[in-house]
Protein backbone atom coordinates (compact mmCIF):
# COMPACT_ATOMS: atom_id res chain seq x y z
CA MET A 1 0.00 0.00 0.00
CA HIS A 2 2.83 2.37 0.92
CA ASP A 3 4.78 1.53 -2.29
CA ASN A 4 1.75 2.18 -4.44
CA GLN A 5 1.30 5.57 -2.84
CA LEU A 6 4.95 6.53 -3.53
CA SER A 7 4.71 5.43 -7.16
CA ARG A 8 1.66 7.63 -7.61
CA ASN A 9 3.62 10.66 -6.27
CA VAL A 10 6.57 10.22 -8.68
CA PRO A 11 5.87 11.92 -12.05
CA GLY A 12 6.17 9.73 -15.13
CA PRO A 13 8.08 10.67 -18.31
CA GLU A 14 4.95 12.05 -19.84
CA LEU A 15 4.59 14.54 -16.94
CA ILE A 16 8.13 16.03 -17.33
CA PRO A 17 7.96 19.31 -19.31
CA ASP A 18 9.52 19.32 -22.80
CA SER A 19 11.76 22.24 -21.83
CA SER A 20 13.24 20.23 -18.95
CA ARG A 21 13.95 17.24 -21.21
CA LYS A 22 15.60 19.49 -23.79
CA THR A 23 17.71 21.19 -21.13
CA SER A 24 18.78 17.83 -19.70
CA ARG A 25 19.66 16.54 -23.17
CA TRP A 26 21.63 19.73 -23.94
CA LEU A 27 23.57 19.48 -20.65
CA ARG A 28 24.37 15.84 -21.36
CA LYS A 29 25.72 16.71 -24.82
CA LEU A 30 27.68 19.59 -23.34
CA ASN A 31 29.27 17.26 -20.80
CA ASP A 32 30.12 14.70 -23.49
CA SER A 33 31.83 17.40 -25.60
CA LYS A 34 33.58 19.27 -22.80
CA TYR A 35 37.10 18.41 -23.98
CA LEU A 36 36.36 19.40 -27.57
CA LEU A 37 34.87 22.68 -26.34
CA LEU A 38 37.93 23.26 -24.18
CA MET A 39 40.14 22.86 -27.24
CA PHE A 40 37.90 25.32 -29.10
CA VAL A 41 38.21 28.06 -26.45
CA PRO A 42 41.58 29.50 -27.66
CA CYS A 43 40.27 29.73 -31.24
CA PHE A 44 37.07 31.39 -30.02
CA LEU A 45 38.99 33.92 -27.91
CA TYR A 46 41.33 34.71 -30.81
CA TYR A 47 38.50 35.59 -33.17
CA LEU A 48 36.55 37.40 -30.47
CA ILE A 49 39.46 39.59 -29.36
CA PHE A 50 41.26 40.20 -32.64
CA LYS A 51 38.44 39.94 -35.22
CA TYR A 52 35.04 40.82 -33.76
CA LEU A 53 35.72 43.31 -30.96
CA PRO A 54 37.85 45.58 -33.23
CA MET A 55 34.84 45.89 -35.56
CA GLY A 56 33.59 48.61 -33.23
CA GLY A 57 36.38 50.79 -34.58
CA ILE A 58 34.64 50.90 -37.97
CA VAL A 59 32.64 53.84 -36.67
CA ILE A 60 35.66 56.16 -36.94
CA SER A 61 35.42 55.93 -40.75
CA PHE A 62 32.20 57.96 -40.43
CA LYS A 63 33.70 60.47 -37.98
CA ASP A 64 36.40 63.11 -37.98
CA TYR A 65 38.35 61.11 -35.45
CA ASN A 66 40.44 63.03 -32.97
CA LEU A 67 42.88 61.07 -30.83
CA TYR A 68 42.39 63.34 -27.82
CA ARG A 69 38.60 63.56 -27.97
CA GLY A 70 38.13 59.83 -28.47
CA ILE A 71 35.80 57.87 -30.74
CA TRP A 72 32.44 58.87 -29.30
CA ASP A 73 33.18 62.60 -28.83
CA SER A 74 34.56 63.04 -32.35
CA PRO A 75 32.07 64.72 -34.74
CA TRP A 76 30.16 62.74 -37.37
CA VAL A 77 31.08 63.46 -41.00
CA GLY A 78 29.08 60.74 -42.77
CA PHE A 79 30.63 59.48 -46.02
CA LYS A 80 33.14 62.33 -46.31
CA TYR A 81 36.23 60.10 -46.28
CA TYR A 82 34.70 57.56 -48.65
CA GLU A 83 33.97 60.32 -51.17
CA MET A 84 37.48 61.68 -50.63
CA PHE A 85 38.97 58.26 -51.43
CA PHE A 86 36.75 57.62 -54.48
CA ASN A 87 37.64 61.05 -55.89
CA SER A 88 41.34 60.64 -55.15
CA PRO A 89 43.68 60.24 -58.15
CA ASP A 90 45.25 57.31 -56.29
CA PHE A 91 41.98 55.33 -56.11
CA TRP A 92 42.17 53.55 -59.47
CA ILE A 93 45.93 53.04 -59.22
CA LEU A 94 45.65 51.38 -55.81
CA LEU A 95 42.64 49.31 -56.84
CA ARG A 96 44.38 48.17 -60.03
CA ASN A 97 47.64 47.27 -58.27
CA THR A 98 45.85 45.38 -55.50
CA PHE A 99 43.54 43.52 -57.86
CA LEU A 100 46.32 42.55 -60.29
CA LEU A 101 48.57 41.22 -57.52
CA GLY A 102 45.68 39.19 -56.10
CA PHE A 103 44.56 38.05 -59.55
CA TYR A 104 48.04 36.91 -60.61
CA LYS A 105 48.47 35.11 -57.30
CA LEU A 106 45.13 33.36 -57.85
CA VAL A 107 45.82 32.40 -61.48
CA PHE A 108 49.40 31.17 -60.99
CA GLY A 109 49.46 30.36 -57.28
CA PHE A 110 46.20 28.48 -56.83
CA PRO A 111 46.87 25.62 -59.32
CA ALA A 112 50.48 25.15 -58.10
CA PRO A 113 49.73 23.14 -54.92
CA ILE A 114 47.15 21.07 -56.79
CA LEU A 115 49.77 20.09 -59.39
CA LEU A 116 52.32 19.33 -56.65
CA ALA A 117 49.83 17.14 -54.78
CA LEU A 118 48.94 15.25 -57.96
CA LEU A 119 52.61 14.70 -58.78
CA LEU A 120 53.41 13.52 -55.26
CA ASN A 121 50.44 11.17 -55.39
CA GLU A 122 52.00 9.44 -58.39
CA VAL A 123 55.37 8.94 -56.67
CA LYS A 124 55.78 5.34 -55.50
CA ASN A 125 59.02 5.80 -53.54
CA VAL A 126 57.79 6.68 -50.04
CA LEU A 127 61.08 8.12 -48.77
CA PHE A 128 61.50 10.39 -51.79
CA LYS A 129 57.86 11.48 -51.53
CA ARG A 130 58.27 12.43 -47.86
CA PHE A 131 61.53 14.25 -48.57
CA VAL A 132 59.99 16.36 -51.36
CA GLN A 133 56.92 17.12 -49.27
CA THR A 134 59.00 18.19 -46.27
CA VAL A 135 61.28 20.41 -48.33
CA SER A 136 58.34 22.00 -50.15
CA TYR A 137 56.41 23.07 -47.05
CA LEU A 138 59.39 24.27 -44.97
CA PRO A 139 59.40 27.75 -46.61
CA HIS A 140 55.94 28.33 -45.10
CA PHE A 141 57.57 28.60 -41.68
CA ILE A 142 60.15 31.18 -42.75
CA SER A 143 59.37 34.71 -41.61
CA ASN A 144 58.41 37.23 -44.29
CA VAL A 145 61.27 39.42 -43.09
CA VAL A 146 63.74 36.63 -43.80
CA VAL A 147 62.11 35.84 -47.15
CA ALA A 148 62.28 39.50 -48.18
CA GLY A 149 65.95 39.63 -47.18
CA MET A 150 66.67 36.51 -49.23
CA ILE A 151 64.89 37.99 -52.26
CA VAL A 152 66.85 41.25 -52.02
CA MET A 153 70.11 39.32 -51.65
CA PHE A 154 69.41 36.92 -54.54
CA LEU A 155 68.35 39.77 -56.84
CA SER A 156 71.17 42.15 -55.93
CA PRO A 157 72.63 43.72 -59.12
CA SER A 158 76.20 43.36 -57.84
CA SER A 159 76.36 40.05 -55.98
CA GLY A 160 72.99 38.35 -56.44
CA ILE A 161 73.00 34.80 -57.76
CA ILE A 162 70.30 35.62 -60.34
CA ASN A 163 72.30 38.46 -61.85
CA LYS A 164 75.43 36.32 -61.80
CA MET A 165 73.58 33.81 -63.98
CA ILE A 166 72.34 36.60 -66.28
CA GLU A 167 75.87 38.00 -66.66
CA SER A 168 77.24 34.52 -67.38
CA LEU A 169 74.89 34.40 -70.38
CA GLY A 170 76.37 37.64 -71.71
CA PHE A 171 73.61 40.05 -70.60
CA GLU A 172 73.79 43.07 -68.34
CA ALA A 173 72.73 42.82 -64.69
CA ILE A 174 69.19 43.97 -63.87
CA ASN A 175 68.35 45.97 -60.76
CA PHE A 176 65.09 44.11 -60.13
CA MET A 177 64.13 45.87 -56.91
CA VAL A 178 63.82 49.33 -58.51
CA ARG A 179 62.10 48.19 -61.72
CA PRO A 180 58.29 48.52 -61.35
CA GLU A 181 57.63 46.03 -64.14
CA TRP A 182 59.37 43.25 -62.19
CA PHE A 183 57.64 43.70 -58.83
CA ARG A 184 54.54 41.60 -59.53
CA THR A 185 56.61 38.73 -60.93
CA ILE A 186 58.89 38.77 -57.88
CA TYR A 187 55.99 38.92 -55.43
CA VAL A 188 53.90 36.17 -57.05
CA ALA A 189 56.90 33.86 -57.53
CA SER A 190 57.95 34.26 -53.90
CA GLU A 191 54.38 33.62 -52.72
CA ILE A 192 54.20 30.39 -54.74
CA TRP A 193 57.58 29.22 -53.40
CA GLN A 194 56.56 30.01 -49.84
CA SER A 195 53.08 28.44 -49.85
CA ILE A 196 53.00 25.67 -52.46
CA GLY A 197 54.03 22.83 -50.15
CA TRP A 198 51.89 23.91 -47.21
CA GLU A 199 48.73 24.27 -49.31
CA ALA A 200 49.40 20.95 -51.04
CA ILE A 201 48.86 19.18 -47.69
CA ILE A 202 45.10 19.82 -47.96
CA TYR A 203 44.93 18.21 -51.40
CA LEU A 204 47.10 15.27 -50.31
CA ALA A 205 44.66 14.68 -47.45
CA ALA A 206 41.75 14.83 -49.90
CA LEU A 207 43.53 12.31 -52.16
CA THR A 208 43.80 9.79 -49.32
CA ALA A 209 40.00 9.87 -48.94
CA ILE A 210 39.43 8.54 -52.48
CA ASP A 211 38.25 4.92 -52.48
CA PRO A 212 41.06 2.69 -53.89
CA SER A 213 38.44 0.42 -55.45
CA LEU A 214 37.68 3.20 -57.94
CA TYR A 215 41.24 2.98 -59.25
CA GLU A 216 40.97 -0.81 -59.42
CA ALA A 217 37.74 -0.56 -61.40
CA ALA A 218 39.34 1.97 -63.75
CA GLU A 219 42.30 -0.38 -64.36
CA ILE A 220 39.93 -3.24 -65.14
CA ASP A 221 38.27 -0.99 -67.72
CA GLY A 222 41.69 -0.39 -69.30
CA ALA A 223 42.28 3.16 -68.03
CA ASN A 224 45.84 4.48 -68.06
CA ARG A 225 47.29 6.96 -65.56
CA TRP A 226 45.92 9.97 -67.39
CA ASN A 227 42.43 8.48 -67.57
CA LYS A 228 42.49 7.69 -63.84
CA LEU A 229 43.67 11.22 -63.09
CA VAL A 230 40.87 12.82 -65.11
CA ASN A 231 38.04 10.47 -64.17
CA VAL A 232 38.88 9.44 -60.60
CA THR A 233 41.45 11.69 -58.93
CA LEU A 234 40.25 15.13 -59.99
CA PRO A 235 36.54 14.43 -59.29
CA GLY A 236 37.59 13.03 -55.90
CA ILE A 237 39.30 16.25 -54.82
CA ALA A 238 36.93 18.59 -56.67
CA PRO A 239 34.99 19.63 -53.50
CA ALA A 240 38.22 20.66 -51.76
CA ILE A 241 39.34 22.58 -54.87
CA VAL A 242 36.04 24.45 -55.12
CA ILE A 243 35.95 25.42 -51.43
CA LEU A 244 39.53 26.71 -51.48
CA LEU A 245 38.93 28.51 -54.76
CA ILE A 246 35.97 30.38 -53.23
CA LEU A 247 38.06 31.36 -50.21
CA ASN A 248 40.92 32.52 -52.44
CA ILE A 249 38.58 34.61 -54.59
CA GLY A 250 37.36 36.30 -51.42
CA ARG A 251 40.94 37.22 -50.56
CA VAL A 252 41.86 38.71 -53.94
CA LEU A 253 42.12 42.23 -52.48
CA GLU A 254 43.57 41.08 -49.14
CA ILE A 255 47.14 40.92 -50.36
CA GLY A 256 49.61 40.33 -47.55
CA PHE A 257 50.83 43.67 -46.23
CA GLU A 258 54.12 42.48 -44.74
CA LYS A 259 55.88 41.18 -47.83
CA VAL A 260 54.75 44.04 -50.07
CA PHE A 261 55.86 46.55 -47.45
CA LEU A 262 59.26 44.89 -47.13
CA LEU A 263 59.85 44.62 -50.88
CA TYR A 264 58.48 47.83 -52.36
CA THR A 265 60.30 51.14 -52.69
CA PRO A 266 59.17 54.60 -53.87
CA ALA A 267 60.61 53.68 -57.26
CA THR A 268 58.15 50.77 -57.59
CA TYR A 269 55.02 52.52 -56.25
CA ALA A 270 53.54 52.50 -59.75
CA THR A 271 52.92 48.73 -59.53
CA ALA A 272 53.66 47.87 -55.89
CA ASP A 273 51.60 50.36 -53.88
CA ILE A 274 48.41 48.57 -52.80
CA LEU A 275 45.47 49.35 -50.53
CA SER A 276 47.01 47.92 -47.35
CA THR A 277 50.31 49.81 -47.73
CA TYR A 278 48.41 53.00 -48.54
CA VAL A 279 46.30 52.49 -45.40
CA TYR A 280 49.49 52.10 -43.38
CA ARG A 281 51.03 55.30 -44.69
CA THR A 282 47.77 57.26 -44.40
CA GLY A 283 46.74 55.99 -40.97
CA LEU A 284 49.90 55.34 -39.00
CA ILE A 285 52.41 57.60 -40.72
CA ASN A 286 50.20 60.61 -41.50
CA GLY A 287 47.79 60.10 -38.57
CA ASN A 288 44.60 60.27 -40.69
CA PHE A 289 42.88 57.36 -38.95
CA SER A 290 39.37 58.03 -40.26
CA TYR A 291 40.53 58.08 -43.88
CA ALA A 292 42.52 54.86 -43.39
CA ALA A 293 39.55 53.15 -41.70
CA ALA A 294 37.29 54.11 -44.61
CA ILE A 295 39.71 52.57 -47.13
CA ASP A 296 40.07 49.41 -45.07
CA LEU A 297 36.30 49.01 -44.70
CA PHE A 298 35.87 49.51 -48.44
CA THR A 299 38.38 46.70 -49.04
CA GLY A 300 36.50 44.40 -46.68
CA VAL A 301 33.16 45.09 -48.40
CA ILE A 302 34.63 44.32 -51.84
CA CYS A 303 36.10 41.06 -50.53
CA LEU A 304 32.69 40.12 -49.09
CA ILE A 305 31.07 40.77 -52.47
CA PHE A 306 33.70 38.62 -54.20
CA ILE A 307 33.30 35.64 -51.88
CA TYR A 308 29.49 35.86 -51.91
CA THR A 309 29.42 36.00 -55.71
CA ALA A 310 31.85 33.09 -56.06
CA ASN A 311 29.85 31.02 -53.57
CA THR A 312 26.57 31.78 -55.36
CA ILE A 313 28.00 30.79 -58.75
CA SER A 314 29.49 27.59 -57.31
CA ARG A 315 26.19 26.65 -55.66
CA ARG A 316 24.29 27.10 -58.91
CA ILE A 317 26.64 25.15 -61.18
CA SER A 318 27.66 22.45 -58.68
CA GLU A 319 26.69 20.96 -55.34
CA THR A 320 29.69 22.41 -53.48
CA SER A 321 29.59 25.76 -51.65
CA LEU A 322 30.48 27.35 -48.33
CA TRP A 323 26.84 27.92 -47.40
């Protein structure tokens, strides 16, 4: 009798509110994933502190920012600095230089790691394959300052190894670092050398996910290496290629500031001066923070348009997209 009374007082599953069950289920999942979430915390803090919180500074592009009065006490000027930039004679020069550097890097730099990964995938000697892969991605870990110093040293008109080779062929030495027409070639070539091995790792990982039975079936059908590459390998890594291509298109105007800043000189401004270096000179050197913020925000908006357009096109012509 007593047990029956207790059982009547305990609520059954149907009497527990849905919100309580959902909360309990959420807490259980949270507890199961606590170590993964703990590993995610540094990444979350990085983006929060260095990416999202600084977005509040965008407001100074719409103000006549005064360092002593602060952000909120500085007067509003609307789109004054945007109009100033669009009407500036430097606008089209900077936009052209930035776009061409990013475009050349995309056209010549994006396929390079794909080709390297495909070549390494065909190598049967494991030791040689590991050696080439290690040597190719080591430049990624070299500081841009060191890379810029190496470039200047190699291209020196008096003692550089490149000019020594040119002189040995009977031609005059070329002072590459003060010739505007050579800057884009130097920058793009150094970017490919520095990133080809590191970016190839993603494609090598994608190649390992391809089912080996597909290659066996292709061999049974009489396919040679080229046929297997075209019909099995490339379709297998196509999703990774598309995703990275979309991301690279979104970064066309986000050319790395450090290497350009270290390599360019006033003599090469005609082809080397880009939006990020102009922002540096305008904001930090000349102290016009509002003008520099307006240019930087404009760059970010253009990059957003690029990546959104590329993602939309990819979603319509294929099944692969970022969102």
